[in-house]
């Protein structure tokens, strides 16, 4: 295993600090209700949540499929002039 250089150690430390701050912020926001009751969601809200989640998932999967299709068919080759050509 190779050793880490000081820049990599600094990067890892900065990322861990940001992760800790994000975890603290989530914990603070979760517990900062200050007496606010939980909001109830009716049937229309659950339907909207389900449909929004489903459509987001479909769009995300569709775009990923198009990306892989485009990459496999070679449509992306002209967009990257610095890519090395593989010998056939």
C-alpha atoms as a PDB file:
ATOM      1  CA  UNK A   1       0.000   0.000   0.000  1.00  0.00           C
ATOM      2  CA  UNK A   2       1.366   3.399  -0.918  1.00  0.00           C
ATOM      3  CA  UNK A   3       1.525   6.253   1.556  1.00  0.00           C
ATOM      4  CA  UNK A   4      -0.590   9.354   1.246  1.00  0.00           C
ATOM      5  CA  UNK A   5       1.007  12.658   0.403  1.00  0.00           C
ATOM      6  CA  UNK A   6       0.196  15.751   2.507  1.00  0.00           C
ATOM      7  CA  UNK A   7      -2.300  17.062  -0.055  1.00  0.00           C
ATOM      8  CA  UNK A   8      -4.311  13.855   0.055  1.00  0.00           C
ATOM      9  CA  UNK A   9      -4.278  13.863   3.872  1.00  0.00           C
ATOM     10  CA  UNK A  10      -5.501  17.465   3.859  1.00  0.00           C
ATOM     11  CA  UNK A  11      -8.249  16.591   1.372  1.00  0.00           C
ATOM     12  CA  UNK A  12      -9.417  13.622   3.453  1.00  0.00           C
ATOM     13  CA  UNK A  13      -9.375  15.745   6.610  1.00  0.00           C
ATOM     14  CA  UNK A  14     -11.405  18.503   4.923  1.00  0.00           C
ATOM     15  CA  UNK A  15     -13.944  15.988   3.643  1.00  0.00           C
ATOM     16  CA  UNK A  16     -14.276  14.416   7.101  1.00  0.00           C
ATOM     17  CA  UNK A  17     -14.820  17.865   8.636  1.00  0.00           C
ATOM     18  CA  UNK A  18     -17.536  18.600   6.053  1.00  0.00           C
ATOM     19  CA  UNK A  19     -19.143  15.212   6.765  1.00  0.00           C
ATOM     20  CA  UNK A  20     -19.124  15.970  10.478  1.00  0.00           C
ATOM     21  CA  UNK A  21     -20.653  19.412   9.913  1.00  0.00           C
ATOM     22  CA  UNK A  22     -23.358  17.903   7.711  1.00  0.00           C
ATOM     23  CA  UNK A  23     -24.147  15.265  10.352  1.00  0.00           C
ATOM     24  CA  UNK A  24     -24.285  17.962  13.053  1.00  0.00           C
ATOM     25  CA  UNK A  25     -26.580  20.103  10.888  1.00  0.00           C
ATOM     26  CA  UNK A  26     -28.907  17.187  10.238  1.00  0.00           C
ATOM     27  CA  UNK A  27     -29.007  16.330  13.943  1.00  0.00           C
ATOM     28  CA  UNK A  28     -29.647  19.958  14.874  1.00  0.00           C
ATOM     29  CA  UNK A  29     -32.418  20.382  12.285  1.00  0.00           C
ATOM     30  CA  UNK A  30     -34.037  17.079  13.299  1.00  0.00           C
ATOM     31  CA  UNK A  31     -34.216  18.097  16.961  1.00  0.00           C
ATOM     32  CA  UNK A  32     -35.042  21.798  16.432  1.00  0.00           C
ATOM     33  CA  UNK A  33     -38.818  21.385  16.312  1.00  0.00           C
ATOM     34  CA  UNK A  34     -39.364  23.807  19.237  1.00  0.00           C
ATOM     35  CA  UNK A  35     -42.822  22.541  20.014  1.00  0.00           C
ATOM     36  CA  UNK A  36     -44.039  22.273  16.436  1.00  0.00           C
ATOM     37  CA  UNK A  37     -46.352  19.303  16.051  1.00  0.00           C
ATOM     38  CA  UNK A  38     -45.785  16.744  13.353  1.00  0.00           C
ATOM     39  CA  UNK A  39     -47.559  17.695  10.149  1.00  0.00           C
ATOM     40  CA  UNK A  40     -50.054  15.122   8.955  1.00  0.00           C
ATOM     41  CA  UNK A  41     -50.175  14.277   5.264  1.00  0.00           C
ATOM     42  CA  UNK A  42     -53.486  13.285   3.720  1.00  0.00           C
ATOM     43  CA  UNK A  43     -54.087  10.846   0.855  1.00  0.00           C
ATOM     44  CA  UNK A  44     -53.442  13.464  -1.829  1.00  0.00           C
ATOM     45  CA  UNK A  45     -50.061  14.253  -0.322  1.00  0.00           C
ATOM     46  CA  UNK A  46     -49.051  10.573  -0.296  1.00  0.00           C
ATOM     47  CA  UNK A  47     -50.184  10.177  -3.905  1.00  0.00           C
ATOM     48  CA  UNK A  48     -48.185  13.264  -4.946  1.00  0.00           C
ATOM     49  CA  UNK A  49     -45.136  12.001  -3.051  1.00  0.00           C
ATOM     50  CA  UNK A  50     -45.377   8.574  -4.671  1.00  0.00           C
ATOM     51  CA  UNK A  51     -45.883   9.916  -8.193  1.00  0.00           C
ATOM     52  CA  UNK A  52     -43.088  12.463  -7.819  1.00  0.00           C
ATOM     53  CA  UNK A  53     -40.708   9.771  -6.563  1.00  0.00           C
ATOM     54  CA  UNK A  54     -41.711   7.397  -9.357  1.00  0.00           C
ATOM     55  CA  UNK A  55     -41.287   9.994 -12.111  1.00  0.00           C
ATOM     56  CA  UNK A  56     -37.919  11.106 -10.684  1.00  0.00           C
ATOM     57  CA  UNK A  57     -36.739   7.499 -10.670  1.00  0.00           C
ATOM     58  CA  UNK A  58     -37.981   6.898 -14.231  1.00  0.00           C
ATOM     59  CA  UNK A  59     -36.324  10.065 -15.528  1.00  0.00           C
ATOM     60  CA  UNK A  60     -33.052   9.257 -13.754  1.00  0.00           C
ATOM     61  CA  UNK A  61     -32.980   5.672 -15.049  1.00  0.00           C
ATOM     62  CA  UNK A  62     -33.910   6.820 -18.550  1.00  0.00           C
ATOM     63  CA  UNK A  63     -31.137   9.406 -18.661  1.00  0.00           C
ATOM     64  CA  UNK A  64     -28.581   6.880 -17.392  1.00  0.00           C
ATOM     65  CA  UNK A  65     -29.732   4.381 -20.034  1.00  0.00           C
ATOM     66  CA  UNK A  66     -29.359   7.034 -22.736  1.00  0.00           C
ATOM     67  CA  UNK A  67     -25.896   7.878 -21.476  1.00  0.00           C
ATOM     68  CA  UNK A  68     -24.759   4.241 -21.646  1.00  0.00           C
ATOM     69  CA  UNK A  69     -26.431   3.744 -25.037  1.00  0.00           C
ATOM     70  CA  UNK A  70     -24.740   6.846 -26.422  1.00  0.00           C
ATOM     71  CA  UNK A  71     -21.367   5.809 -25.053  1.00  0.00           C
ATOM     72  CA  UNK A  72     -21.591   2.258 -26.416  1.00  0.00           C
ATOM     73  CA  UNK A  73     -22.716   3.373 -29.881  1.00  0.00           C
ATOM     74  CA  UNK A  74     -19.886   5.892 -30.183  1.00  0.00           C
ATOM     75  CA  UNK A  75     -22.030   9.023 -30.323  1.00  0.00           C
ATOM     76  CA  UNK A  76     -19.812  10.628 -27.665  1.00  0.00           C
ATOM     77  CA  UNK A  77     -16.571  10.205 -29.584  1.00  0.00           C
ATOM     78  CA  UNK A  78     -16.856  13.428 -31.563  1.00  0.00           C
ATOM     79  CA  UNK A  79     -17.500  15.443 -28.389  1.00  0.00           C
ATOM     80  CA  UNK A  80     -14.107  14.510 -26.895  1.00  0.00           C
ATOM     81  CA  UNK A  81     -11.335  15.258 -29.392  1.00  0.00           C
ATOM     82  CA  UNK A  82      -8.604  14.388 -26.855  1.00  0.00           C
ATOM     83  CA  UNK A  83      -9.792  10.814 -26.277  1.00  0.00           C
ATOM     84  CA  UNK A  84      -7.278   8.280 -27.530  1.00  0.00           C
ATOM     85  CA  UNK A  85      -8.547   6.127 -30.337  1.00  0.00           C
ATOM     86  CA  UNK A  86      -8.374   2.396 -29.649  1.00  0.00           C
ATOM     87  CA  UNK A  87      -6.868   0.330 -32.446  1.00  0.00           C
ATOM     88  CA  UNK A  88      -9.376  -1.976 -34.119  1.00  0.00           C
END
